[in-house]
């Protein structure tokens, strides 16, 4: 998997051009169904808008194969394609973008539309928290109660994304970690408890 970026939370941006308003709604997604649900949510929020144009990318922003876009009755390639291009140029995946247009009474021309739709998405991205997408791995193990304090201290110095603990037949840890760090973390944990560890 090549490196790409995602947004951590939904984000919003707004742009006005010749009295037309363009409202951009971005949302992190993991599937086409989630992208379509985001579109429906925005449509229900703005049922009276002239257009609801959209673009989404599931997975990597380049060579993904799972992406889509719509001009929603705007002239061909003046909305969905420019929106998708902004996301690809910023190397952002797992994202759905919907731009709502309220008609202002003046035609913008194809160039004006491209600038407005891409500009609205860029504005929303400026308000988004963009983070690197990290491929994760699960790591589950069991240790004796006497080793818990030492392992907890060691985990604080390791790149752990999430951790859960339960106490059945010893101390059971379930970790979410960067996949690239898995071998190092396993080795470090083994050293910490002198090999007295069971990986599940």
C-alpha atoms as a PDB file:
ATOM      1  CA  UNK A   1       0.000   0.000   0.000  1.00  0.00           C
ATOM      2  CA  UNK A   2       1.431   3.354  -0.965  1.00  0.00           C
ATOM      3  CA  UNK A   3       1.232   6.294   1.414  1.00  0.00           C
ATOM      4  CA  UNK A   4      -1.829   8.507   1.287  1.00  0.00           C
ATOM      5  CA  UNK A   5      -3.836  10.807   3.547  1.00  0.00           C
ATOM      6  CA  UNK A   6      -7.322  10.840   5.060  1.00  0.00           C
ATOM      7  CA  UNK A   7      -9.414  13.371   6.954  1.00  0.00           C
ATOM      8  CA  UNK A   8      -9.976  12.600  10.625  1.00  0.00           C
ATOM      9  CA  UNK A   9     -13.427  14.233  10.968  1.00  0.00           C
ATOM     10  CA  UNK A  10     -16.144  15.663   8.694  1.00  0.00           C
ATOM     11  CA  UNK A  11     -15.322  19.137   7.385  1.00  0.00           C
ATOM     12  CA  UNK A  12     -17.209  22.013   5.783  1.00  0.00           C
ATOM     13  CA  UNK A  13     -16.317  24.871   3.451  1.00  0.00           C
ATOM     14  CA  UNK A  14     -18.273  27.587   1.675  1.00  0.00           C
ATOM     15  CA  UNK A  15     -17.627  29.688  -1.427  1.00  0.00           C
ATOM     16  CA  UNK A  16     -19.638  32.354  -3.254  1.00  0.00           C
ATOM     17  CA  UNK A  17     -19.336  33.204  -6.950  1.00  0.00           C
ATOM     18  CA  UNK A  18     -21.648  35.710  -8.693  1.00  0.00           C
ATOM     19  CA  UNK A  19     -24.251  35.222  -5.947  1.00  0.00           C
ATOM     20  CA  UNK A  20     -24.258  31.425  -6.346  1.00  0.00           C
ATOM     21  CA  UNK A  21     -23.351  29.716  -3.061  1.00  0.00           C
ATOM     22  CA  UNK A  22     -21.303  26.510  -3.036  1.00  0.00           C
ATOM     23  CA  UNK A  23     -21.372  24.526   0.226  1.00  0.00           C
ATOM     24  CA  UNK A  24     -18.840  21.696   0.494  1.00  0.00           C
ATOM     25  CA  UNK A  25     -19.306  18.773   2.880  1.00  0.00           C
ATOM     26  CA  UNK A  26     -16.462  16.298   3.335  1.00  0.00           C
ATOM     27  CA  UNK A  27     -16.705  13.049   5.261  1.00  0.00           C
ATOM     28  CA  UNK A  28     -14.250  10.201   5.934  1.00  0.00           C
ATOM     29  CA  UNK A  29     -15.668   6.937   4.517  1.00  0.00           C
ATOM     30  CA  UNK A  30     -14.599   3.317   4.047  1.00  0.00           C
ATOM     31  CA  UNK A  31     -17.079   2.164   1.385  1.00  0.00           C
ATOM     32  CA  UNK A  32     -19.171   3.279  -1.602  1.00  0.00           C
ATOM     33  CA  UNK A  33     -22.317   2.727   0.503  1.00  0.00           C
ATOM     34  CA  UNK A  34     -21.010   5.182   3.106  1.00  0.00           C
ATOM     35  CA  UNK A  35     -20.299   7.725   0.342  1.00  0.00           C
ATOM     36  CA  UNK A  36     -23.858   7.397  -0.994  1.00  0.00           C
ATOM     37  CA  UNK A  37     -25.254   7.722   2.538  1.00  0.00           C
ATOM     38  CA  UNK A  38     -23.276  10.957   2.961  1.00  0.00           C
ATOM     39  CA  UNK A  39     -24.821  12.236  -0.292  1.00  0.00           C
ATOM     40  CA  UNK A  40     -28.338  11.390   0.943  1.00  0.00           C
ATOM     41  CA  UNK A  41     -27.659  13.085   4.281  1.00  0.00           C
ATOM     42  CA  UNK A  42     -26.543  16.295   2.540  1.00  0.00           C
ATOM     43  CA  UNK A  43     -29.485  16.153   0.097  1.00  0.00           C
ATOM     44  CA  UNK A  44     -31.937  15.876   2.980  1.00  0.00           C
ATOM     45  CA  UNK A  45     -30.271  18.873   4.655  1.00  0.00           C
ATOM     46  CA  UNK A  46     -30.518  20.972   1.454  1.00  0.00           C
ATOM     47  CA  UNK A  47     -33.552  19.671  -0.490  1.00  0.00           C
ATOM     48  CA  UNK A  48     -34.136  23.021  -2.203  1.00  0.00           C
ATOM     49  CA  UNK A  49     -30.601  23.411  -3.641  1.00  0.00           C
ATOM     50  CA  UNK A  50     -30.161  23.556  -7.425  1.00  0.00           C
ATOM     51  CA  UNK A  51     -27.412  20.903  -7.548  1.00  0.00           C
ATOM     52  CA  UNK A  52     -25.842  18.272  -5.292  1.00  0.00           C
ATOM     53  CA  UNK A  53     -22.566  17.375  -7.014  1.00  0.00           C
ATOM     54  CA  UNK A  54     -20.303  14.731  -5.560  1.00  0.00           C
ATOM     55  CA  UNK A  55     -17.075  12.748  -5.735  1.00  0.00           C
ATOM     56  CA  UNK A  56     -15.708   9.963  -3.587  1.00  0.00           C
ATOM     57  CA  UNK A  57     -12.622   7.773  -3.283  1.00  0.00           C
ATOM     58  CA  UNK A  58     -12.495   4.501  -1.360  1.00  0.00           C
ATOM     59  CA  UNK A  59      -8.936   3.416  -0.580  1.00  0.00           C
ATOM     60  CA  UNK A  60      -5.936   4.953  -2.287  1.00  0.00           C
ATOM     61  CA  UNK A  61      -6.553   8.124  -4.302  1.00  0.00           C
ATOM     62  CA  UNK A  62      -4.573   6.822  -7.280  1.00  0.00           C
ATOM     63  CA  UNK A  63      -5.153   3.439  -8.963  1.00  0.00           C
ATOM     64  CA  UNK A  64      -7.929   2.792  -6.464  1.00  0.00           C
ATOM     65  CA  UNK A  65     -10.576   1.513  -8.830  1.00  0.00           C
ATOM     66  CA  UNK A  66     -13.282   2.464  -6.316  1.00  0.00           C
ATOM     67  CA  UNK A  67     -14.211   6.042  -7.031  1.00  0.00           C
ATOM     68  CA  UNK A  68     -17.147   7.920  -8.429  1.00  0.00           C
ATOM     69  CA  UNK A  69     -18.424  11.389  -9.272  1.00  0.00           C
ATOM     70  CA  UNK A  70     -21.462  13.236 -10.557  1.00  0.00           C
ATOM     71  CA  UNK A  71     -22.092  16.661 -12.101  1.00  0.00           C
ATOM     72  CA  UNK A  72     -25.773  16.418 -11.082  1.00  0.00           C
ATOM     73  CA  UNK A  73     -27.067  18.243 -14.203  1.00  0.00           C
ATOM     74  CA  UNK A  74     -24.250  20.796 -14.317  1.00  0.00           C
ATOM     75  CA  UNK A  75     -22.395  20.872 -17.684  1.00  0.00           C
ATOM     76  CA  UNK A  76     -20.266  17.746 -18.261  1.00  0.00           C
ATOM     77  CA  UNK A  77     -17.006  17.634 -16.246  1.00  0.00           C
ATOM     78  CA  UNK A  78     -17.547  21.018 -14.550  1.00  0.00           C
ATOM     79  CA  UNK A  79     -18.248  19.690 -11.026  1.00  0.00           C
ATOM     80  CA  UNK A  80     -17.614  16.038 -10.153  1.00  0.00           C
ATOM     81  CA  UNK A  81     -14.351  15.703 -12.085  1.00  0.00           C
ATOM     82  CA  UNK A  82     -12.788  18.913 -10.663  1.00  0.00           C
ATOM     83  CA  UNK A  83     -13.844  17.848  -7.146  1.00  0.00           C
ATOM     84  CA  UNK A  84     -12.257  14.412  -7.635  1.00  0.00           C
ATOM     85  CA  UNK A  85      -9.098  16.009  -9.047  1.00  0.00           C
ATOM     86  CA  UNK A  86      -8.658  18.161  -5.928  1.00  0.00           C
ATOM     87  CA  UNK A  87      -8.801  15.051  -3.716  1.00  0.00           C
ATOM     88  CA  UNK A  88      -6.358  13.147  -5.942  1.00  0.00           C
ATOM     89  CA  UNK A  89      -3.947  16.079  -6.190  1.00  0.00           C
ATOM     90  CA  UNK A  90      -3.885  16.328  -2.387  1.00  0.00           C
ATOM     91  CA  UNK A  91      -3.391  12.516  -2.209  1.00  0.00           C
ATOM     92  CA  UNK A  92      -6.479  12.056  -0.020  1.00  0.00           C
ATOM     93  CA  UNK A  93      -8.445   8.799   0.005  1.00  0.00           C
ATOM     94  CA  UNK A  94     -11.343   7.248   1.966  1.00  0.00           C
ATOM     95  CA  UNK A  95     -13.317  10.450   1.489  1.00  0.00           C
ATOM     96  CA  UNK A  96     -16.681  11.589   0.147  1.00  0.00           C
ATOM     97  CA  UNK A  97     -17.218  15.177  -0.998  1.00  0.00           C
ATOM     98  CA  UNK A  98     -20.618  16.720  -1.728  1.00  0.00           C
ATOM     99  CA  UNK A  99     -20.932  20.312  -2.960  1.00  0.00           C
ATOM    100  CA  UNK A 100     -24.385  21.898  -2.801  1.00  0.00           C
ATOM    101  CA  UNK A 101     -25.076  24.806  -5.149  1.00  0.00           C
ATOM    102  CA  UNK A 102     -27.670  27.463  -4.522  1.00  0.00           C
ATOM    103  CA  UNK A 103     -28.258  29.240  -7.851  1.00  0.00           C
ATOM    104  CA  UNK A 104     -27.501  32.946  -7.790  1.00  0.00           C
ATOM    105  CA  UNK A 105     -29.112  33.946 -11.085  1.00  0.00           C
ATOM    106  CA  UNK A 106     -25.929  34.442 -13.136  1.00  0.00           C
ATOM    107  CA  UNK A 107     -24.290  31.798 -15.321  1.00  0.00           C
ATOM    108  CA  UNK A 108     -20.653  31.178 -14.408  1.00  0.00           C
ATOM    109  CA  UNK A 109     -19.503  29.472 -17.620  1.00  0.00           C
ATOM    110  CA  UNK A 110     -17.617  26.177 -17.607  1.00  0.00           C
ATOM    111  CA  UNK A 111     -14.384  27.720 -16.289  1.00  0.00           C
ATOM    112  CA  UNK A 112     -16.231  29.508 -13.514  1.00  0.00           C
ATOM    113  CA  UNK A 113     -18.008  26.308 -12.481  1.00  0.00           C
ATOM    114  CA  UNK A 114     -14.777  24.312 -12.402  1.00  0.00           C
ATOM    115  CA  UNK A 115     -13.158  26.985 -10.220  1.00  0.00           C
ATOM    116  CA  UNK A 116     -16.169  27.180  -7.902  1.00  0.00           C
ATOM    117  CA  UNK A 117     -16.614  23.441  -7.324  1.00  0.00           C
ATOM    118  CA  UNK A 118     -12.897  22.724  -6.926  1.00  0.00           C
ATOM    119  CA  UNK A 119     -12.471  25.851  -4.788  1.00  0.00           C
ATOM    120  CA  UNK A 120     -15.277  24.806  -2.429  1.00  0.00           C
ATOM    121  CA  UNK A 121     -13.631  21.414  -1.860  1.00  0.00           C
ATOM    122  CA  UNK A 122     -10.220  23.055  -1.334  1.00  0.00           C
ATOM    123  CA  UNK A 123     -11.788  25.417   1.204  1.00  0.00           C
ATOM    124  CA  UNK A 124     -13.327  22.514   3.110  1.00  0.00           C
ATOM    125  CA  UNK A 125      -9.974  20.698   3.105  1.00  0.00           C
ATOM    126  CA  UNK A 126      -8.379  23.767   4.692  1.00  0.00           C
ATOM    127  CA  UNK A 127     -10.815  23.282   7.582  1.00  0.00           C
ATOM    128  CA  UNK A 128     -10.156  19.525   7.815  1.00  0.00           C
ATOM    129  CA  UNK A 129      -7.679  17.647   9.956  1.00  0.00           C
ATOM    130  CA  UNK A 130      -5.652  15.755   7.351  1.00  0.00           C
ATOM    131  CA  UNK A 131      -3.601  12.832   8.661  1.00  0.00           C
ATOM    132  CA  UNK A 132      -1.499  10.102   7.122  1.00  0.00           C
ATOM    133  CA  UNK A 133      -3.289   6.801   6.583  1.00  0.00           C
ATOM    134  CA  UNK A 134      -1.412   4.087   8.452  1.00  0.00           C
ATOM    135  CA  UNK A 135      -1.836   0.404   7.710  1.00  0.00           C
ATOM    136  CA  UNK A 136      -2.611  -1.227  11.051  1.00  0.00           C
ATOM    137  CA  UNK A 137      -2.301  -4.688  12.509  1.00  0.00           C
ATOM    138  CA  UNK A 138      -3.841  -6.405  15.534  1.00  0.00           C
ATOM    139  CA  UNK A 139      -1.622  -7.925  18.220  1.00  0.00           C
ATOM    140  CA  UNK A 140      -3.068 -10.012  21.060  1.00  0.00           C
ATOM    141  CA  UNK A 141      -1.082 -11.536  23.891  1.00  0.00           C
ATOM    142  CA  UNK A 142      -1.328 -12.844  27.440  1.00  0.00           C
ATOM    143  CA  UNK A 143       1.078 -12.309  30.349  1.00  0.00           C
ATOM    144  CA  UNK A 144       1.175 -13.103  34.061  1.00  0.00           C
ATOM    145  CA  UNK A 145      -0.289 -10.622  36.549  1.00  0.00           C
ATOM    146  CA  UNK A 146       3.176  -9.933  37.985  1.00  0.00           C
ATOM    147  CA  UNK A 147       4.356  -8.589  34.601  1.00  0.00           C
ATOM    148  CA  UNK A 148       1.461  -6.195  34.013  1.00  0.00           C
ATOM    149  CA  UNK A 149       3.069  -3.038  35.452  1.00  0.00           C
ATOM    150  CA  UNK A 150       6.286  -3.518  33.446  1.00  0.00           C
ATOM    151  CA  UNK A 151       4.367  -4.150  30.209  1.00  0.00           C
ATOM    152  CA  UNK A 152       2.082  -1.137  30.734  1.00  0.00           C
ATOM    153  CA  UNK A 153       5.148   1.092  31.241  1.00  0.00           C
ATOM    154  CA  UNK A 154       6.799  -0.307  28.111  1.00  0.00           C
ATOM    155  CA  UNK A 155       3.644   0.202  25.998  1.00  0.00           C
ATOM    156  CA  UNK A 156       3.695   3.930  26.848  1.00  0.00           C
ATOM    157  CA  UNK A 157       6.955   4.246  24.910  1.00  0.00           C
ATOM    158  CA  UNK A 158       5.768   2.240  21.888  1.00  0.00           C
ATOM    159  CA  UNK A 159       3.683   3.452  18.894  1.00  0.00           C
ATOM    160  CA  UNK A 160       0.384   1.907  20.045  1.00  0.00           C
ATOM    161  CA  UNK A 161      -2.776   3.237  18.361  1.00  0.00           C
ATOM    162  CA  UNK A 162      -5.324   1.532  20.628  1.00  0.00           C
ATOM    163  CA  UNK A 163      -5.147  -0.955  23.482  1.00  0.00           C
ATOM    164  CA  UNK A 164      -7.652  -3.010  25.434  1.00  0.00           C
ATOM    165  CA  UNK A 165      -7.043  -5.150  28.509  1.00  0.00           C
ATOM    166  CA  UNK A 166      -9.102  -7.879  30.119  1.00  0.00           C
ATOM    167  CA  UNK A 167      -8.350 -10.191  32.982  1.00  0.00           C
ATOM    168  CA  UNK A 168      -9.185 -13.832  32.285  1.00  0.00           C
ATOM    169  CA  UNK A 169      -6.542 -16.478  33.043  1.00  0.00           C
ATOM    170  CA  UNK A 170      -3.895 -13.792  33.326  1.00  0.00           C
ATOM    171  CA  UNK A 171      -3.693 -10.356  31.732  1.00  0.00           C
ATOM    172  CA  UNK A 172      -4.867 -10.211  28.107  1.00  0.00           C
ATOM    173  CA  UNK A 173      -3.882  -7.304  25.868  1.00  0.00           C
ATOM    174  CA  UNK A 174      -5.428  -6.504  22.475  1.00  0.00           C
ATOM    175  CA  UNK A 175      -3.404  -3.861  20.627  1.00  0.00           C
ATOM    176  CA  UNK A 176      -3.898  -1.994  17.371  1.00  0.00           C
ATOM    177  CA  UNK A 177      -0.452  -1.059  16.057  1.00  0.00           C
ATOM    178  CA  UNK A 178       1.198   0.211  12.858  1.00  0.00           C
ATOM    179  CA  UNK A 179       1.778  -2.879  10.706  1.00  0.00           C
ATOM    180  CA  UNK A 180       5.322  -1.742   9.934  1.00  0.00           C
ATOM    181  CA  UNK A 181       6.210  -1.803  13.667  1.00  0.00           C
ATOM    182  CA  UNK A 182       4.819  -5.252  14.508  1.00  0.00           C
ATOM    183  CA  UNK A 183       8.093  -7.231  14.577  1.00  0.00           C
ATOM    184  CA  UNK A 184       9.861  -4.605  16.690  1.00  0.00           C
ATOM    185  CA  UNK A 185       6.975  -4.422  19.178  1.00  0.00           C
ATOM    186  CA  UNK A 186       6.828  -8.229  19.536  1.00  0.00           C
ATOM    187  CA  UNK A 187      10.588  -8.371  20.135  1.00  0.00           C
ATOM    188  CA  UNK A 188      10.425  -5.529  22.695  1.00  0.00           C
ATOM    189  CA  UNK A 189       7.574  -7.181  24.615  1.00  0.00           C
ATOM    190  CA  UNK A 190       9.405 -10.530  24.722  1.00  0.00           C
ATOM    191  CA  UNK A 191      12.485  -8.793  26.143  1.00  0.00           C
ATOM    192  CA  UNK A 192      10.384  -6.941  28.729  1.00  0.00           C
ATOM    193  CA  UNK A 193       8.973 -10.151  30.272  1.00  0.00           C
ATOM    194  CA  UNK A 194      11.945 -12.461  29.575  1.00  0.00           C
ATOM    195  CA  UNK A 195       9.916 -14.448  27.076  1.00  0.00           C
ATOM    196  CA  UNK A 196       7.038 -15.167  29.495  1.00  0.00           C
ATOM    197  CA  UNK A 197       4.350 -14.100  27.013  1.00  0.00           C
ATOM    198  CA  UNK A 198       1.764 -15.960  24.935  1.00  0.00           C
ATOM    199  CA  UNK A 199       0.715 -14.424  21.613  1.00  0.00           C
ATOM    200  CA  UNK A 200      -2.892 -15.289  20.764  1.00  0.00           C
END
